[in-house]
N, C-alpha and C. Protein backbone atom coordinates (compact mmCIF):
# COMPACT_ATOMS: atom_id res chain seq x y z
N PRO A 1 59.13 101.37 127.24
CA PRO A 1 60.43 101.94 127.11
C PRO A 1 61.30 101.49 126.08
N VAL A 2 62.34 102.37 125.85
CA VAL A 2 63.12 101.92 124.79
C VAL A 2 64.64 101.60 125.43
N GLN A 3 65.14 100.62 124.93
CA GLN A 3 66.27 100.00 125.52
C GLN A 3 67.49 100.93 125.45
N ILE A 4 68.28 101.36 126.12
CA ILE A 4 69.35 102.06 125.55
C ILE A 4 70.87 101.41 125.92
N LEU A 5 70.67 100.54 127.03
CA LEU A 5 72.20 100.36 127.62
C LEU A 5 71.81 98.73 128.16
N THR A 6 72.66 97.47 127.70
CA THR A 6 72.45 96.16 128.35
C THR A 6 73.39 95.93 128.93
N TYR A 7 73.78 94.97 129.74
CA TYR A 7 74.82 93.99 130.45
C TYR A 7 74.52 92.36 130.41
N LEU A 8 74.60 91.74 129.73
CA LEU A 8 74.18 90.49 130.04
C LEU A 8 75.51 89.40 129.59
N ASP A 9 75.79 88.88 130.26
CA ASP A 9 76.66 87.64 130.28
C ASP A 9 77.97 87.92 129.90
N GLY A 10 78.16 88.96 130.85
CA GLY A 10 79.86 89.82 130.54
C GLY A 10 79.71 90.77 129.32
N VAL A 11 78.72 90.94 128.51
CA VAL A 11 78.84 91.89 127.25
C VAL A 11 77.95 93.06 127.58
N VAL A 12 78.59 94.16 127.18
CA VAL A 12 78.01 95.25 127.53
C VAL A 12 77.48 95.65 125.98
N LYS A 13 76.05 96.15 125.72
CA LYS A 13 75.41 96.22 124.33
C LYS A 13 74.92 97.68 124.65
N VAL A 14 75.21 98.58 123.57
CA VAL A 14 74.64 99.99 123.57
C VAL A 14 73.63 99.56 122.42
N GLU A 15 72.30 100.06 122.59
CA GLU A 15 71.40 100.02 121.59
C GLU A 15 71.33 101.06 120.55
N GLU A 16 70.96 100.94 119.44
CA GLU A 16 70.81 101.86 118.26
C GLU A 16 69.90 103.18 118.41
N THR A 17 70.30 103.86 119.34
CA THR A 17 69.31 105.19 119.58
C THR A 17 70.14 106.25 119.37
N GLU A 18 69.38 107.75 119.61
CA GLU A 18 70.57 108.75 119.24
C GLU A 18 71.25 108.87 120.91
N LEU A 19 71.27 108.30 121.66
CA LEU A 19 72.07 108.16 122.79
C LEU A 19 73.40 107.36 122.77
N LYS A 20 73.29 106.60 121.60
CA LYS A 20 74.38 105.91 121.42
C LYS A 20 76.11 106.08 121.62
N PRO A 21 76.21 107.12 120.71
CA PRO A 21 77.55 107.58 120.64
C PRO A 21 77.68 108.59 121.94
N ARG A 22 76.92 108.62 123.00
CA ARG A 22 76.73 109.46 124.16
C ARG A 22 76.59 108.88 125.46
N VAL A 23 76.45 107.40 125.58
CA VAL A 23 76.10 106.97 126.75
C VAL A 23 76.79 105.45 127.18
N GLY A 24 77.01 105.25 128.17
CA GLY A 24 77.78 104.16 128.36
C GLY A 24 77.92 103.74 130.35
N PHE A 25 78.24 102.95 130.75
CA PHE A 25 78.24 102.53 132.26
C PHE A 25 79.53 103.56 132.59
N LEU A 26 79.28 104.26 133.58
CA LEU A 26 80.30 104.88 134.33
C LEU A 26 81.49 103.76 134.92
N TYR A 27 81.25 102.87 135.52
CA TYR A 27 82.32 102.23 136.42
C TYR A 27 82.09 100.73 135.85
N PRO A 28 83.11 99.92 135.82
CA PRO A 28 82.87 98.30 135.50
C PRO A 28 81.64 97.73 135.94
N VAL A 29 80.78 97.04 135.20
CA VAL A 29 79.62 96.52 135.95
C VAL A 29 79.97 95.72 136.83
N LEU A 30 80.95 94.99 136.85
CA LEU A 30 81.23 93.80 138.18
C LEU A 30 81.67 94.57 139.26
N SER A 31 81.69 95.75 139.40
CA SER A 31 81.86 96.49 140.63
C SER A 31 80.10 96.89 141.62
N HIS A 32 79.19 96.48 140.70
CA HIS A 32 77.88 96.45 141.11
C HIS A 32 77.40 98.11 141.31
N ASN A 33 78.18 98.86 140.73
CA ASN A 33 77.79 100.39 140.69
C ASN A 33 77.24 100.58 139.44
N ILE A 34 76.15 100.43 138.95
CA ILE A 34 75.79 100.41 137.32
C ILE A 34 75.35 102.00 137.19
N SER A 35 76.04 102.84 137.43
CA SER A 35 75.49 104.12 137.12
C SER A 35 76.03 104.28 135.58
N VAL A 36 74.99 105.01 135.00
CA VAL A 36 75.39 105.64 133.38
C VAL A 36 75.83 106.82 133.10
N PHE A 37 76.40 107.11 132.41
CA PHE A 37 76.50 108.53 132.06
C PHE A 37 75.96 108.89 130.65
N ILE A 38 75.50 110.18 130.42
CA ILE A 38 75.04 110.83 129.24
C ILE A 38 75.93 112.03 128.89
N ASN A 39 76.46 111.84 127.96
CA ASN A 39 77.66 113.13 127.77
C ASN A 39 76.68 113.82 126.77
N ALA A 40 77.24 115.36 126.52
CA ALA A 40 76.72 116.29 125.62
C ALA A 40 74.84 116.23 125.67
N THR A 41 74.44 116.03 126.98
CA THR A 41 73.00 116.36 126.93
C THR A 41 72.50 117.31 126.19
N ARG A 42 71.18 116.66 125.75
CA ARG A 42 70.12 117.74 124.73
C ARG A 42 69.03 117.75 125.55
N GLU A 43 68.05 118.59 125.20
CA GLU A 43 66.89 118.62 125.83
C GLU A 43 65.73 117.57 125.56
N ARG A 44 66.08 116.93 124.27
CA ARG A 44 65.34 115.64 124.27
C ARG A 44 65.52 114.43 125.02
N ASP A 45 66.72 114.37 125.74
CA ASP A 45 67.28 113.17 126.58
C ASP A 45 66.29 113.31 127.71
N SER A 46 65.53 114.64 127.83
CA SER A 46 64.79 114.45 129.30
C SER A 46 63.56 113.23 129.42
N GLY A 47 63.32 113.06 130.18
CA GLY A 47 62.42 111.79 130.32
C GLY A 47 62.71 110.70 131.57
N GLN A 48 61.83 109.65 131.48
CA GLN A 48 61.94 108.99 132.74
C GLN A 48 63.13 107.78 132.33
N TYR A 49 63.90 107.50 133.00
CA TYR A 49 64.97 106.19 132.61
C TYR A 49 65.04 105.36 133.89
N MET A 50 64.77 104.02 133.20
CA MET A 50 64.29 102.77 134.19
C MET A 50 65.84 101.72 134.44
N CYS A 51 66.02 101.32 135.51
CA CYS A 51 67.04 100.56 135.71
C CYS A 51 66.60 99.35 136.20
N THR A 52 66.78 98.35 135.44
CA THR A 52 66.39 96.88 135.76
C THR A 52 67.58 95.80 136.07
N VAL A 53 67.44 95.45 137.21
CA VAL A 53 68.66 94.38 137.57
C VAL A 53 67.71 92.86 138.01
N ASN A 54 67.91 92.17 137.12
CA ASN A 54 67.42 90.58 137.27
C ASN A 54 68.58 89.56 137.30
N VAL A 55 68.38 88.47 137.90
CA VAL A 55 68.94 87.25 137.30
C VAL A 55 68.27 86.76 136.27
N VAL A 56 69.25 86.54 135.31
CA VAL A 56 68.73 85.75 133.98
C VAL A 56 67.65 84.70 134.30
N ASP A 57 67.61 83.76 134.92
CA ASP A 57 66.77 82.58 135.10
C ASP A 57 65.94 82.77 135.95
N ASP A 58 65.73 83.73 136.87
CA ASP A 58 65.04 84.19 138.20
C ASP A 58 63.71 84.79 137.52
N ALA A 59 62.48 84.21 137.05
CA ALA A 59 61.29 84.53 136.70
C ALA A 59 60.42 85.28 137.97
N THR A 60 60.94 84.80 139.22
CA THR A 60 60.16 85.49 140.50
C THR A 60 60.55 86.98 140.73
N SER A 61 61.68 87.45 140.06
CA SER A 61 62.12 88.53 140.18
C SER A 61 62.14 89.63 139.34
N THR A 62 61.32 89.00 137.96
CA THR A 62 61.16 90.11 137.18
C THR A 62 60.04 91.24 137.55
N GLY A 63 60.45 92.39 137.28
CA GLY A 63 59.32 93.41 137.26
C GLY A 63 59.76 94.28 139.08
N LYS A 64 60.37 93.51 139.61
CA LYS A 64 60.58 93.74 141.04
C LYS A 64 61.80 94.59 141.24
N ASN A 65 62.90 94.49 140.61
CA ASN A 65 64.01 94.99 140.92
C ASN A 65 64.13 96.16 139.89
N ILE A 66 63.36 97.32 139.98
CA ILE A 66 63.32 98.37 139.01
C ILE A 66 63.55 99.47 139.89
N GLY A 67 64.52 100.57 139.44
CA GLY A 67 64.61 101.79 139.77
C GLY A 67 64.60 102.69 138.97
N VAL A 68 63.81 103.89 139.31
CA VAL A 68 63.30 104.75 138.30
C VAL A 68 63.93 106.37 138.71
N ILE A 69 64.36 106.97 137.35
CA ILE A 69 64.78 108.51 137.61
C ILE A 69 64.06 109.35 136.54
N ASN A 70 63.99 110.33 137.04
CA ASN A 70 63.44 111.50 135.97
C ASN A 70 64.52 112.12 135.89
N LEU A 71 64.77 112.52 134.51
CA LEU A 71 65.65 113.66 134.05
C LEU A 71 65.04 114.58 133.51
N THR A 72 65.30 115.82 133.88
CA THR A 72 65.03 117.08 133.09
C THR A 72 66.14 117.82 132.82
N VAL A 73 66.32 117.88 131.44
CA VAL A 73 67.63 118.77 130.98
C VAL A 73 67.43 119.88 131.07
N LEU A 74 67.84 121.28 131.74
CA LEU A 74 67.46 122.57 131.79
C LEU A 74 67.90 123.34 130.59
N VAL A 75 67.25 124.14 130.04
CA VAL A 75 67.83 124.90 128.72
C VAL A 75 67.44 126.45 129.41
N PRO A 76 68.83 126.89 129.09
CA PRO A 76 68.55 128.26 129.67
C PRO A 76 67.90 129.27 128.60
N PRO A 77 66.98 130.30 129.17
CA PRO A 77 66.30 131.06 128.50
C PRO A 77 67.37 131.77 127.14
N ALA A 78 66.72 132.15 126.07
CA ALA A 78 67.33 132.73 125.07
C ALA A 78 67.11 134.31 125.36
N ALA A 79 67.83 135.08 124.84
CA ALA A 79 68.19 136.48 125.21
C ALA A 79 66.79 137.02 124.83
N PRO A 80 66.08 137.82 125.28
CA PRO A 80 64.66 138.13 124.74
C PRO A 80 64.74 139.15 123.55
N ALA A 81 63.80 139.06 122.88
CA ALA A 81 63.59 140.04 121.80
C ALA A 81 62.35 141.34 122.54
N CYS A 82 63.03 142.17 122.38
CA CYS A 82 61.83 143.36 123.11
C CYS A 82 61.63 144.44 121.90
N GLN A 83 60.37 144.89 121.67
CA GLN A 83 60.07 145.87 120.74
C GLN A 83 58.93 146.99 121.72
N LEU A 84 59.11 148.21 120.98
CA LEU A 84 57.93 149.07 121.54
C LEU A 84 57.07 149.18 120.24
N HIS A 85 55.80 149.15 120.59
CA HIS A 85 54.74 149.19 119.70
C HIS A 85 53.92 150.42 120.11
N GLY A 86 53.60 151.17 119.11
CA GLY A 86 52.62 152.50 119.33
C GLY A 86 53.25 154.05 119.42
N ASN A 87 52.96 154.93 119.34
CA ASN A 87 53.53 156.00 119.29
C ASN A 87 53.69 156.83 120.79
N PRO A 88 55.31 156.73 121.04
CA PRO A 88 55.43 157.29 122.51
C PRO A 88 54.93 158.57 123.06
N ALA A 89 54.06 159.31 122.72
CA ALA A 89 53.87 160.58 123.00
C ALA A 89 52.63 160.52 124.17
N VAL A 90 52.69 161.71 124.88
CA VAL A 90 51.73 162.06 125.88
C VAL A 90 50.45 161.77 125.63
N GLY A 91 49.65 161.27 126.52
CA GLY A 91 48.57 160.87 126.06
C GLY A 91 48.02 159.59 125.23
N ALA A 92 49.26 159.18 124.77
CA ALA A 92 48.93 157.66 123.74
C ALA A 92 49.20 156.54 124.34
N ASN A 93 48.72 155.45 124.02
CA ASN A 93 49.03 154.21 124.45
C ASN A 93 49.93 153.41 123.59
N VAL A 94 50.85 152.82 124.40
CA VAL A 94 52.00 152.00 123.95
C VAL A 94 52.10 150.28 124.70
N THR A 95 52.56 149.64 123.89
CA THR A 95 52.98 148.46 124.27
C THR A 95 54.42 147.92 124.17
N LEU A 96 54.80 147.43 125.20
CA LEU A 96 56.08 146.95 125.37
C LEU A 96 56.02 145.37 125.21
N SER A 97 56.63 144.88 124.07
CA SER A 97 56.68 143.48 124.07
C SER A 97 57.91 142.75 124.33
N CYS A 98 58.03 141.74 125.03
CA CYS A 98 59.06 140.93 125.18
C CYS A 98 59.31 139.35 125.13
N ALA A 99 59.85 138.71 124.29
CA ALA A 99 59.73 137.15 124.03
C ALA A 99 61.05 136.45 124.27
N SER A 100 60.96 135.32 124.48
CA SER A 100 62.30 134.51 124.68
C SER A 100 61.83 133.19 124.15
N GLU A 101 62.53 132.61 123.21
CA GLU A 101 62.27 131.35 122.45
C GLU A 101 62.60 130.24 123.18
N LYS A 102 63.70 130.24 124.18
CA LYS A 102 63.93 128.90 124.81
C LYS A 102 63.58 129.06 126.18
N GLY A 103 63.79 127.94 126.98
CA GLY A 103 63.75 127.86 128.41
C GLY A 103 62.89 126.63 129.05
N LYS A 104 63.91 126.17 129.90
CA LYS A 104 63.02 124.82 130.44
C LYS A 104 63.55 124.72 131.64
N PRO A 105 62.92 124.60 132.85
CA PRO A 105 61.80 124.97 132.53
C PRO A 105 61.08 126.30 132.15
N SER A 106 59.87 126.68 131.86
CA SER A 106 59.56 127.91 131.37
C SER A 106 60.15 129.06 132.41
N PRO A 107 60.57 130.14 131.47
CA PRO A 107 61.49 131.00 132.55
C PRO A 107 60.01 131.93 132.95
N ALA A 108 60.67 132.76 134.00
CA ALA A 108 59.70 133.74 134.69
C ALA A 108 60.14 134.99 133.90
N TYR A 109 59.16 135.60 133.92
CA TYR A 109 59.24 136.95 133.30
C TYR A 109 58.94 138.13 134.00
N GLN A 110 59.91 139.16 134.20
CA GLN A 110 59.63 140.36 135.01
C GLN A 110 59.92 141.76 134.37
N TRP A 111 59.09 142.67 134.55
CA TRP A 111 59.63 143.98 134.20
C TRP A 111 59.54 145.01 135.11
N GLN A 112 60.82 145.60 134.94
CA GLN A 112 60.98 146.71 135.89
C GLN A 112 61.16 147.95 135.43
N ARG A 113 61.14 149.03 135.94
CA ARG A 113 61.26 150.46 135.37
C ARG A 113 62.50 150.99 136.15
N THR A 114 63.41 151.55 135.17
CA THR A 114 64.64 152.00 135.89
C THR A 114 64.46 153.44 135.84
N ALA A 115 65.37 154.21 136.68
CA ALA A 115 65.38 155.44 136.97
C ALA A 115 65.48 156.23 135.71
N PRO A 116 64.67 156.97 135.37
CA PRO A 116 64.55 157.95 133.86
C PRO A 116 66.13 158.59 133.87
N THR A 117 66.48 158.52 132.66
CA THR A 117 67.71 159.56 132.41
C THR A 117 67.50 161.01 132.10
N LEU A 118 68.13 161.79 132.80
CA LEU A 118 67.94 163.19 132.71
C LEU A 118 68.17 163.71 131.37
N GLN A 119 67.34 164.55 130.90
CA GLN A 119 67.38 164.91 129.46
C GLN A 119 67.45 166.32 129.59
N VAL A 120 68.40 167.12 129.45
CA VAL A 120 68.15 168.82 129.48
C VAL A 120 67.77 169.18 127.90
N PHE A 121 66.97 170.23 127.78
CA PHE A 121 66.83 170.81 126.43
C PHE A 121 66.76 172.21 126.83
N PHE A 122 67.33 172.90 125.59
CA PHE A 122 67.43 174.34 125.78
C PHE A 122 66.54 174.87 124.67
N PRO A 123 65.97 175.91 124.99
CA PRO A 123 64.89 176.28 124.03
C PRO A 123 65.70 177.03 122.99
N PRO A 124 65.37 177.03 121.70
CA PRO A 124 66.25 177.47 120.67
C PRO A 124 66.32 178.79 120.63
N ALA A 125 67.60 179.24 120.30
CA ALA A 125 68.15 180.55 120.47
C ALA A 125 67.69 181.41 119.30
N GLN A 126 66.90 182.40 119.38
CA GLN A 126 66.50 182.94 118.41
C GLN A 126 67.33 184.25 117.92
N GLY A 127 68.03 183.89 117.16
CA GLY A 127 69.19 185.09 116.36
C GLY A 127 70.09 185.29 117.43
N LYS A 128 70.28 184.67 118.52
CA LYS A 128 71.41 185.01 119.53
C LYS A 128 72.35 183.74 119.31
N VAL A 129 74.02 184.16 119.41
CA VAL A 129 74.84 183.28 119.53
C VAL A 129 75.54 183.27 120.92
């Protein structure tokens, strides 16, 4: 694990990670609520975070006082890019493609057909106005 934040002997130390300018304790540590905040979350902030609480000289508690939280930063899907491939003529085959570059967790895709629009065609007037 990569150390990101430490409180020892009255001193808060933020380690040199990409989280440094965005992380800290939410409350004064002496309040015994050692919640941390992460501002401006990014997708790469996702992962497992571990909180360890020990008395400095107590070797018997090492590895026992651990809390673990999994953080999954959700990423909205990007607007899909859709295309028509093939010749849309009677009897021909076409492919409708659609792709979205982002999304976490992986987005669900669904195709729907809307009601067709009415198209009125008039036969060409042959010399009549």
